[in-house]
N, C-alpha and C. Protein backbone atom coordinates (compact mmCIF):
# COMPACT_ATOMS: atom_id res chain seq x y z
N MET A 1 -60.09 -18.31 5.82
CA MET A 1 -60.24 -18.40 4.37
C MET A 1 -59.64 -17.16 3.72
N THR A 2 -59.10 -17.36 2.57
CA THR A 2 -58.56 -16.26 1.79
C THR A 2 -58.89 -16.53 0.33
N HIS A 3 -58.46 -15.63 -0.53
CA HIS A 3 -58.66 -15.84 -1.96
C HIS A 3 -57.49 -15.23 -2.71
N GLY A 4 -57.42 -15.55 -3.97
CA GLY A 4 -56.33 -15.05 -4.78
C GLY A 4 -56.51 -15.42 -6.23
N VAL A 5 -55.42 -15.29 -6.96
CA VAL A 5 -55.45 -15.58 -8.39
C VAL A 5 -54.19 -16.36 -8.77
N LEU A 6 -54.38 -17.36 -9.59
CA LEU A 6 -53.28 -18.08 -10.22
C LEU A 6 -53.16 -17.52 -11.63
N PHE A 7 -52.02 -16.94 -11.94
CA PHE A 7 -51.75 -16.43 -13.28
C PHE A 7 -50.78 -17.38 -13.97
N ILE A 8 -51.22 -17.99 -15.04
CA ILE A 8 -50.31 -18.75 -15.89
C ILE A 8 -49.93 -17.79 -17.01
N HIS A 9 -48.72 -17.26 -16.94
CA HIS A 9 -48.29 -16.27 -17.94
C HIS A 9 -47.90 -16.93 -19.25
N SER A 10 -47.28 -18.10 -19.16
CA SER A 10 -46.98 -18.84 -20.39
C SER A 10 -46.75 -20.31 -20.05
N ALA A 11 -47.31 -21.14 -20.89
CA ALA A 11 -47.15 -22.58 -20.75
C ALA A 11 -47.31 -23.21 -22.13
N PRO A 12 -46.56 -24.26 -22.42
CA PRO A 12 -46.81 -24.97 -23.66
C PRO A 12 -48.24 -25.51 -23.65
N ARG A 13 -48.89 -25.41 -24.77
CA ARG A 13 -50.29 -25.85 -24.88
C ARG A 13 -50.48 -27.28 -24.36
N ALA A 14 -49.50 -28.13 -24.57
CA ALA A 14 -49.61 -29.53 -24.14
C ALA A 14 -49.67 -29.68 -22.62
N LEU A 15 -49.20 -28.68 -21.87
CA LEU A 15 -49.23 -28.77 -20.41
C LEU A 15 -50.54 -28.25 -19.81
N ALA A 16 -51.39 -27.63 -20.60
CA ALA A 16 -52.63 -27.05 -20.08
C ALA A 16 -53.47 -28.06 -19.30
N PRO A 17 -53.72 -29.26 -19.81
CA PRO A 17 -54.52 -30.22 -19.02
C PRO A 17 -53.84 -30.61 -17.70
N HIS A 18 -52.51 -30.68 -17.70
CA HIS A 18 -51.77 -31.03 -16.49
C HIS A 18 -51.88 -29.93 -15.44
N ILE A 19 -51.86 -28.67 -15.90
CA ILE A 19 -52.02 -27.54 -14.99
C ILE A 19 -53.42 -27.55 -14.39
N GLU A 20 -54.42 -27.79 -15.22
CA GLU A 20 -55.80 -27.87 -14.72
C GLU A 20 -55.95 -28.99 -13.70
N TRP A 21 -55.35 -30.13 -13.98
CA TRP A 21 -55.42 -31.27 -13.06
C TRP A 21 -54.75 -30.92 -11.73
N ALA A 22 -53.58 -30.29 -11.79
CA ALA A 22 -52.85 -29.92 -10.57
C ALA A 22 -53.66 -28.91 -9.74
N ALA A 23 -54.21 -27.89 -10.40
CA ALA A 23 -55.01 -26.88 -9.69
C ALA A 23 -56.26 -27.52 -9.09
N SER A 24 -56.91 -28.40 -9.83
CA SER A 24 -58.11 -29.08 -9.32
C SER A 24 -57.78 -29.88 -8.07
N GLY A 25 -56.64 -30.54 -8.07
CA GLY A 25 -56.25 -31.33 -6.91
C GLY A 25 -56.06 -30.48 -5.67
N VAL A 26 -55.50 -29.30 -5.84
CA VAL A 26 -55.29 -28.40 -4.70
C VAL A 26 -56.61 -27.79 -4.24
N LEU A 27 -57.42 -27.35 -5.18
CA LEU A 27 -58.64 -26.63 -4.86
C LEU A 27 -59.80 -27.55 -4.44
N GLY A 28 -59.69 -28.82 -4.81
CA GLY A 28 -60.74 -29.76 -4.45
C GLY A 28 -61.98 -29.66 -5.31
N VAL A 29 -61.94 -28.88 -6.36
CA VAL A 29 -63.03 -28.74 -7.33
C VAL A 29 -62.41 -28.68 -8.72
N PRO A 30 -63.17 -29.02 -9.74
CA PRO A 30 -62.62 -28.92 -11.09
C PRO A 30 -62.21 -27.48 -11.43
N ALA A 31 -60.99 -27.32 -11.88
CA ALA A 31 -60.50 -25.99 -12.28
C ALA A 31 -60.92 -25.75 -13.72
N LYS A 32 -61.84 -24.82 -13.91
CA LYS A 32 -62.30 -24.48 -15.26
C LYS A 32 -61.48 -23.29 -15.73
N ILE A 33 -60.46 -23.58 -16.50
CA ILE A 33 -59.53 -22.54 -16.94
C ILE A 33 -59.79 -22.23 -18.41
N ARG A 34 -59.94 -20.94 -18.70
CA ARG A 34 -60.10 -20.50 -20.09
C ARG A 34 -58.72 -20.10 -20.61
N TRP A 35 -58.21 -20.88 -21.52
CA TRP A 35 -56.88 -20.67 -22.07
C TRP A 35 -56.95 -19.73 -23.26
N GLU A 36 -55.96 -18.87 -23.37
CA GLU A 36 -55.83 -17.96 -24.50
C GLU A 36 -54.43 -18.09 -25.06
N ASP A 37 -54.27 -17.80 -26.34
CA ASP A 37 -52.93 -17.82 -26.92
C ASP A 37 -52.05 -16.78 -26.25
N GLN A 38 -50.80 -17.14 -26.03
CA GLN A 38 -49.81 -16.20 -25.50
C GLN A 38 -48.99 -15.73 -26.71
N PRO A 39 -49.17 -14.46 -27.11
CA PRO A 39 -48.52 -13.97 -28.33
C PRO A 39 -46.99 -13.96 -28.30
N VAL A 40 -46.39 -14.12 -27.13
CA VAL A 40 -44.93 -14.07 -27.04
C VAL A 40 -44.29 -15.28 -27.73
N GLY A 41 -44.95 -16.42 -27.73
CA GLY A 41 -44.33 -17.61 -28.30
C GLY A 41 -45.33 -18.53 -28.95
N ARG A 42 -44.87 -19.20 -29.96
CA ARG A 42 -45.69 -20.17 -30.69
C ARG A 42 -46.03 -21.35 -29.79
N SER A 43 -47.25 -21.78 -29.83
CA SER A 43 -47.76 -22.91 -29.05
C SER A 43 -47.79 -22.65 -27.55
N LEU A 44 -47.72 -21.37 -27.15
CA LEU A 44 -47.84 -21.03 -25.75
C LEU A 44 -49.24 -20.51 -25.46
N VAL A 45 -49.72 -20.79 -24.24
CA VAL A 45 -51.02 -20.30 -23.81
C VAL A 45 -50.85 -19.57 -22.48
N ARG A 46 -51.87 -18.80 -22.14
CA ARG A 46 -51.90 -18.06 -20.88
C ARG A 46 -53.30 -18.16 -20.30
N ALA A 47 -53.41 -17.95 -18.98
CA ALA A 47 -54.73 -18.04 -18.34
C ALA A 47 -54.63 -17.45 -16.94
N GLU A 48 -55.78 -17.25 -16.35
CA GLU A 48 -55.84 -16.88 -14.95
C GLU A 48 -57.01 -17.61 -14.31
N LEU A 49 -56.86 -17.90 -13.03
CA LEU A 49 -57.88 -18.64 -12.30
C LEU A 49 -58.02 -18.03 -10.91
N GLY A 50 -59.19 -17.48 -10.63
CA GLY A 50 -59.48 -17.01 -9.28
C GLY A 50 -59.76 -18.20 -8.39
N TRP A 51 -59.33 -18.12 -7.15
CA TRP A 51 -59.55 -19.23 -6.22
C TRP A 51 -59.87 -18.71 -4.83
N ARG A 52 -60.45 -19.60 -4.03
CA ARG A 52 -60.77 -19.33 -2.64
C ARG A 52 -60.39 -20.57 -1.85
N GLY A 53 -59.73 -20.37 -0.71
CA GLY A 53 -59.33 -21.52 0.07
C GLY A 53 -58.70 -21.13 1.38
N GLY A 54 -58.11 -22.11 2.03
CA GLY A 54 -57.45 -21.89 3.31
C GLY A 54 -56.16 -21.10 3.14
N GLY A 55 -55.56 -20.73 4.25
CA GLY A 55 -54.36 -19.91 4.23
C GLY A 55 -53.15 -20.54 3.57
N ASP A 56 -53.18 -21.85 3.35
CA ASP A 56 -52.05 -22.53 2.70
C ASP A 56 -52.30 -22.79 1.21
N THR A 57 -53.41 -22.32 0.69
CA THR A 57 -53.79 -22.65 -0.70
C THR A 57 -52.79 -22.11 -1.70
N GLY A 58 -52.34 -20.87 -1.54
CA GLY A 58 -51.36 -20.31 -2.47
C GLY A 58 -50.10 -21.15 -2.52
N ALA A 59 -49.57 -21.48 -1.36
CA ALA A 59 -48.34 -22.29 -1.30
C ALA A 59 -48.57 -23.67 -1.90
N ARG A 60 -49.74 -24.25 -1.68
CA ARG A 60 -50.03 -25.57 -2.25
C ARG A 60 -50.13 -25.51 -3.77
N LEU A 61 -50.71 -24.43 -4.31
CA LEU A 61 -50.76 -24.28 -5.77
C LEU A 61 -49.35 -24.21 -6.35
N VAL A 62 -48.49 -23.43 -5.71
CA VAL A 62 -47.11 -23.30 -6.18
C VAL A 62 -46.42 -24.66 -6.15
N SER A 63 -46.58 -25.39 -5.06
CA SER A 63 -45.96 -26.72 -4.96
C SER A 63 -46.45 -27.66 -6.04
N ALA A 64 -47.73 -27.57 -6.37
CA ALA A 64 -48.30 -28.46 -7.39
C ALA A 64 -47.77 -28.14 -8.79
N LEU A 65 -47.40 -26.87 -9.02
CA LEU A 65 -46.95 -26.46 -10.36
C LEU A 65 -45.44 -26.40 -10.52
N ARG A 66 -44.71 -26.42 -9.44
CA ARG A 66 -43.28 -26.13 -9.51
C ARG A 66 -42.47 -27.12 -10.33
N GLY A 67 -42.92 -28.31 -10.53
CA GLY A 67 -42.19 -29.28 -11.32
C GLY A 67 -42.39 -29.13 -12.82
N MET A 68 -43.27 -28.25 -13.22
CA MET A 68 -43.54 -28.03 -14.64
C MET A 68 -42.57 -26.96 -15.15
N ASP A 69 -41.41 -27.42 -15.58
CA ASP A 69 -40.27 -26.54 -15.86
C ASP A 69 -40.49 -25.49 -16.93
N GLU A 70 -41.42 -25.68 -17.82
CA GLU A 70 -41.60 -24.73 -18.92
C GLU A 70 -42.71 -23.71 -18.65
N VAL A 71 -43.22 -23.68 -17.44
CA VAL A 71 -44.35 -22.82 -17.11
C VAL A 71 -43.87 -21.59 -16.35
N ARG A 72 -44.34 -20.42 -16.80
CA ARG A 72 -44.13 -19.15 -16.07
C ARG A 72 -45.45 -18.81 -15.40
N PHE A 73 -45.41 -18.65 -14.07
CA PHE A 73 -46.67 -18.39 -13.38
C PHE A 73 -46.44 -17.53 -12.15
N GLU A 74 -47.55 -17.00 -11.65
CA GLU A 74 -47.57 -16.29 -10.39
C GLU A 74 -48.81 -16.70 -9.63
N VAL A 75 -48.69 -16.74 -8.33
CA VAL A 75 -49.83 -16.96 -7.45
C VAL A 75 -49.87 -15.77 -6.51
N VAL A 76 -51.01 -15.12 -6.46
CA VAL A 76 -51.21 -13.99 -5.56
C VAL A 76 -52.28 -14.40 -4.56
N GLN A 77 -51.95 -14.22 -3.28
CA GLN A 77 -52.89 -14.55 -2.21
C GLN A 77 -53.15 -13.29 -1.41
N GLU A 78 -54.39 -12.92 -1.28
CA GLU A 78 -54.75 -11.69 -0.60
C GLU A 78 -54.58 -11.81 0.91
N ALA A 79 -54.21 -10.70 1.53
CA ALA A 79 -54.08 -10.65 2.99
C ALA A 79 -55.45 -10.82 3.63
N THR A 80 -55.45 -11.34 4.84
CA THR A 80 -56.67 -11.46 5.63
C THR A 80 -56.50 -10.63 6.90
N PRO A 81 -57.53 -10.50 7.69
CA PRO A 81 -57.36 -9.76 8.95
C PRO A 81 -56.31 -10.36 9.89
N VAL A 82 -55.99 -11.64 9.71
CA VAL A 82 -55.04 -12.30 10.61
C VAL A 82 -53.73 -12.73 9.95
N SER A 83 -53.58 -12.48 8.65
CA SER A 83 -52.33 -12.88 8.00
C SER A 83 -51.99 -11.97 6.83
N ASP A 84 -50.68 -11.88 6.57
CA ASP A 84 -50.22 -11.14 5.40
C ASP A 84 -50.64 -11.87 4.14
N GLY A 85 -50.62 -11.15 3.05
CA GLY A 85 -50.82 -11.78 1.76
C GLY A 85 -49.49 -12.34 1.28
N ALA A 86 -49.49 -12.86 0.07
CA ALA A 86 -48.27 -13.44 -0.47
C ALA A 86 -48.31 -13.39 -1.99
N ARG A 87 -47.12 -13.40 -2.56
CA ARG A 87 -46.99 -13.51 -4.01
C ARG A 87 -45.83 -14.44 -4.29
N TRP A 88 -46.09 -15.42 -5.15
CA TRP A 88 -45.06 -16.32 -5.62
C TRP A 88 -44.92 -16.09 -7.12
N SER A 89 -43.70 -15.95 -7.58
CA SER A 89 -43.42 -15.81 -9.01
C SER A 89 -42.49 -16.94 -9.39
N CYS A 90 -42.72 -17.53 -10.57
CA CYS A 90 -41.90 -18.64 -11.01
C CYS A 90 -41.56 -18.50 -12.49
N THR A 91 -40.28 -18.64 -12.79
CA THR A 91 -39.83 -18.70 -14.17
C THR A 91 -38.92 -19.92 -14.31
N PRO A 92 -38.81 -20.47 -15.52
CA PRO A 92 -37.96 -21.64 -15.70
C PRO A 92 -36.50 -21.38 -15.32
N GLU A 93 -36.00 -20.19 -15.61
CA GLU A 93 -34.59 -19.89 -15.35
C GLU A 93 -34.32 -19.54 -13.89
N LEU A 94 -35.22 -18.83 -13.26
CA LEU A 94 -34.98 -18.31 -11.91
C LEU A 94 -35.57 -19.16 -10.79
N GLY A 95 -36.51 -20.01 -11.12
CA GLY A 95 -37.19 -20.78 -10.09
C GLY A 95 -38.26 -19.95 -9.41
N ILE A 96 -38.49 -20.20 -8.13
CA ILE A 96 -39.60 -19.58 -7.41
C ILE A 96 -39.09 -18.47 -6.49
N HIS A 97 -39.80 -17.36 -6.52
CA HIS A 97 -39.57 -16.27 -5.57
C HIS A 97 -40.84 -16.10 -4.75
N HIS A 98 -40.68 -15.98 -3.44
CA HIS A 98 -41.82 -15.77 -2.55
C HIS A 98 -41.64 -14.48 -1.79
N ALA A 99 -42.70 -13.72 -1.66
CA ALA A 99 -42.66 -12.49 -0.87
C ALA A 99 -43.98 -12.33 -0.13
N ALA A 100 -43.89 -11.87 1.10
CA ALA A 100 -45.09 -11.49 1.83
C ALA A 100 -45.56 -10.15 1.29
N THR A 101 -46.86 -9.94 1.31
CA THR A 101 -47.43 -8.67 0.85
C THR A 101 -48.38 -8.12 1.90
N ASP A 102 -48.52 -6.80 1.89
CA ASP A 102 -49.47 -6.19 2.82
C ASP A 102 -50.83 -6.08 2.16
N ARG A 103 -51.77 -5.44 2.82
CA ARG A 103 -53.14 -5.34 2.30
C ARG A 103 -53.22 -4.58 0.99
N ALA A 104 -52.26 -3.70 0.73
CA ALA A 104 -52.25 -2.93 -0.51
C ALA A 104 -51.49 -3.65 -1.62
N GLY A 105 -50.92 -4.81 -1.34
CA GLY A 105 -50.19 -5.56 -2.35
C GLY A 105 -48.70 -5.24 -2.40
N ASN A 106 -48.21 -4.40 -1.49
CA ASN A 106 -46.78 -4.06 -1.45
C ASN A 106 -45.99 -5.23 -0.88
N THR A 107 -44.81 -5.45 -1.42
CA THR A 107 -43.92 -6.47 -0.88
C THR A 107 -43.41 -6.01 0.48
N VAL A 108 -43.41 -6.92 1.44
CA VAL A 108 -42.96 -6.63 2.79
C VAL A 108 -41.71 -7.45 3.05
N LEU A 109 -40.62 -6.77 3.40
CA LEU A 109 -39.38 -7.47 3.74
C LEU A 109 -39.23 -7.47 5.26
N THR A 110 -38.98 -8.64 5.81
CA THR A 110 -38.78 -8.74 7.26
C THR A 110 -37.41 -8.19 7.64
N GLU A 111 -37.26 -7.91 8.91
CA GLU A 111 -35.97 -7.43 9.42
C GLU A 111 -34.86 -8.42 9.11
N ASP A 112 -35.12 -9.71 9.30
CA ASP A 112 -34.10 -10.72 9.02
C ASP A 112 -33.69 -10.71 7.55
N ARG A 113 -34.66 -10.54 6.67
CA ARG A 113 -34.35 -10.53 5.24
C ARG A 113 -33.50 -9.31 4.88
N VAL A 114 -33.84 -8.14 5.43
CA VAL A 114 -33.06 -6.93 5.17
C VAL A 114 -31.65 -7.09 5.73
N ARG A 115 -31.53 -7.62 6.94
CA ARG A 115 -30.20 -7.83 7.53
C ARG A 115 -29.37 -8.80 6.68
N GLY A 116 -30.01 -9.82 6.14
CA GLY A 116 -29.31 -10.74 5.25
C GLY A 116 -28.78 -10.04 4.02
N CYS A 117 -29.58 -9.14 3.45
CA CYS A 117 -29.13 -8.36 2.30
C CYS A 117 -27.92 -7.50 2.66
N ILE A 118 -27.99 -6.87 3.82
CA ILE A 118 -26.88 -6.03 4.28
C ILE A 118 -25.61 -6.87 4.47
N ASP A 119 -25.76 -8.02 5.09
CA ASP A 119 -24.60 -8.90 5.33
C ASP A 119 -23.97 -9.36 4.01
N ARG A 120 -24.80 -9.78 3.06
CA ARG A 120 -24.27 -10.26 1.77
C ARG A 120 -23.63 -9.13 0.97
N ALA A 121 -24.08 -7.90 1.17
CA ALA A 121 -23.52 -6.76 0.45
C ALA A 121 -22.13 -6.39 0.95
N GLU A 122 -21.80 -6.76 2.17
CA GLU A 122 -20.47 -6.51 2.74
C GLU A 122 -20.01 -5.06 2.59
N GLY A 123 -20.93 -4.13 2.83
CA GLY A 123 -20.57 -2.72 2.80
C GLY A 123 -20.54 -2.07 1.43
N ASP A 124 -20.81 -2.83 0.38
CA ASP A 124 -20.81 -2.29 -0.99
C ASP A 124 -22.22 -1.80 -1.33
N PRO A 125 -22.38 -0.47 -1.53
CA PRO A 125 -23.72 0.08 -1.81
C PRO A 125 -24.39 -0.53 -3.04
N ARG A 126 -23.62 -0.79 -4.10
CA ARG A 126 -24.20 -1.39 -5.31
C ARG A 126 -24.66 -2.82 -5.04
N ALA A 127 -23.88 -3.54 -4.26
CA ALA A 127 -24.28 -4.91 -3.90
C ALA A 127 -25.54 -4.89 -3.05
N LEU A 128 -25.68 -3.89 -2.17
CA LEU A 128 -26.88 -3.78 -1.35
C LEU A 128 -28.11 -3.53 -2.22
N VAL A 129 -27.98 -2.65 -3.19
CA VAL A 129 -29.09 -2.39 -4.11
C VAL A 129 -29.47 -3.68 -4.84
N ARG A 130 -28.46 -4.43 -5.30
CA ARG A 130 -28.72 -5.69 -6.00
C ARG A 130 -29.42 -6.69 -5.08
N GLU A 131 -28.93 -6.84 -3.87
CA GLU A 131 -29.52 -7.79 -2.91
C GLU A 131 -30.96 -7.42 -2.56
N LEU A 132 -31.20 -6.14 -2.34
CA LEU A 132 -32.58 -5.71 -2.05
C LEU A 132 -33.49 -5.94 -3.26
N GLY A 133 -32.96 -5.71 -4.46
CA GLY A 133 -33.75 -5.98 -5.67
C GLY A 133 -34.14 -7.45 -5.78
N ILE A 134 -33.20 -8.32 -5.45
CA ILE A 134 -33.50 -9.75 -5.47
C ILE A 134 -34.57 -10.08 -4.42
N ALA A 135 -34.42 -9.52 -3.22
CA ALA A 135 -35.39 -9.77 -2.15
C ALA A 135 -36.78 -9.28 -2.53
N LEU A 136 -36.85 -8.20 -3.31
CA LEU A 136 -38.13 -7.68 -3.76
C LEU A 136 -38.69 -8.42 -4.98
N GLY A 137 -37.88 -9.28 -5.58
CA GLY A 137 -38.34 -10.06 -6.73
C GLY A 137 -38.14 -9.38 -8.08
N GLU A 138 -37.27 -8.39 -8.15
CA GLU A 138 -37.08 -7.66 -9.40
C GLU A 138 -36.66 -8.54 -10.57
N PRO A 139 -35.73 -9.49 -10.41
CA PRO A 139 -35.39 -10.33 -11.57
C PRO A 139 -36.59 -11.11 -12.12
N TRP A 140 -37.48 -11.56 -11.24
CA TRP A 140 -38.67 -12.28 -11.67
C TRP A 140 -39.63 -11.34 -12.40
N ASP A 141 -39.80 -10.14 -11.84
CA ASP A 141 -40.66 -9.15 -12.51
C ASP A 141 -40.14 -8.81 -13.89
N GLU A 142 -38.83 -8.65 -14.03
CA GLU A 142 -38.25 -8.33 -15.34
C GLU A 142 -38.50 -9.46 -16.34
N ASP A 143 -38.33 -10.69 -15.91
CA ASP A 143 -38.55 -11.83 -16.79
C ASP A 143 -40.02 -11.97 -17.18
N LEU A 144 -40.93 -11.76 -16.24
CA LEU A 144 -42.35 -11.97 -16.49
C LEU A 144 -43.04 -10.82 -17.19
N GLU A 145 -42.45 -9.63 -17.18
CA GLU A 145 -43.13 -8.45 -17.69
C GLU A 145 -43.62 -8.61 -19.13
N ILE A 146 -42.81 -9.14 -20.01
CA ILE A 146 -43.22 -9.29 -21.41
C ILE A 146 -44.42 -10.24 -21.52
N TYR A 147 -44.47 -11.25 -20.68
CA TYR A 147 -45.57 -12.21 -20.71
C TYR A 147 -46.84 -11.62 -20.11
N ARG A 148 -46.69 -10.77 -19.11
CA ARG A 148 -47.85 -10.13 -18.49
C ARG A 148 -48.55 -9.21 -19.48
N HIS A 149 -47.79 -8.50 -20.28
CA HIS A 149 -48.36 -7.47 -21.15
C HIS A 149 -48.44 -7.87 -22.62
N ALA A 150 -48.09 -9.09 -22.94
CA ALA A 150 -48.05 -9.51 -24.34
C ALA A 150 -49.41 -9.49 -25.00
N GLY A 151 -50.44 -9.75 -24.25
CA GLY A 151 -51.78 -9.81 -24.84
C GLY A 151 -52.53 -8.51 -24.62
N GLU A 152 -52.16 -7.47 -25.32
CA GLU A 152 -52.87 -6.19 -25.18
C GLU A 152 -54.36 -6.43 -25.33
N GLY A 153 -55.12 -5.88 -24.42
CA GLY A 153 -56.56 -6.05 -24.46
C GLY A 153 -57.05 -7.29 -23.72
N VAL A 154 -56.13 -8.15 -23.29
CA VAL A 154 -56.51 -9.34 -22.53
C VAL A 154 -56.62 -8.93 -21.07
N PRO A 155 -57.75 -9.17 -20.44
CA PRO A 155 -57.91 -8.74 -19.05
C PRO A 155 -57.03 -9.55 -18.11
N MET A 156 -56.10 -8.89 -17.46
CA MET A 156 -55.26 -9.52 -16.44
C MET A 156 -55.45 -8.72 -15.17
N ARG A 157 -55.91 -9.36 -14.10
CA ARG A 157 -56.15 -8.69 -12.83
C ARG A 157 -55.17 -9.21 -11.81
N TRP A 158 -54.66 -8.33 -10.96
CA TRP A 158 -53.72 -8.77 -9.92
C TRP A 158 -54.43 -9.34 -8.70
N LEU A 159 -55.46 -8.69 -8.24
CA LEU A 159 -56.23 -9.24 -7.12
C LEU A 159 -57.71 -9.19 -7.51
N THR A 160 -58.38 -10.29 -7.28
CA THR A 160 -59.76 -10.40 -7.72
C THR A 160 -60.61 -10.95 -6.59
N ARG A 161 -61.76 -10.39 -6.39
CA ARG A 161 -62.70 -10.94 -5.42
C ARG A 161 -63.33 -12.20 -6.03
N VAL A 162 -63.30 -13.28 -5.31
CA VAL A 162 -63.87 -14.53 -5.76
C VAL A 162 -64.98 -14.90 -4.80
N SER A 163 -66.16 -15.16 -5.32
CA SER A 163 -67.29 -15.52 -4.43
C SER A 163 -67.20 -16.95 -3.99
């Protein structure tokens, strides 16, 4: 068992019931989501939902939401004694980025992923920096940052203990 948080950074208000339905289907219990206005855009809402489930729950949440093209979201899954954690970030323009995380929440790049970055860079130091940035999820972080911080005073937690 593990736990994590689903962050809906922005979604059209009309999609809120569909997001709740999708999350409920994955979690097996009704998802009680408290929606708040997202100040970045008119008719947009934001929310977060703590969850607890099996090791595939984060990936299943992402799969359930990925077809909702206008939704910006992240799923954070905490590491367990037997598995790394994970973070999925999704934006309409960039799609989904997945990264393994350690117990402190740092992104972990595997040897194969680093070697792939080196190969694609073809000896160009600037290209290597760009490739590593992509592997770390920097374009997704840049896109989501305004949505994460748009609601000053709104409590947003990255990792939350869920009973």
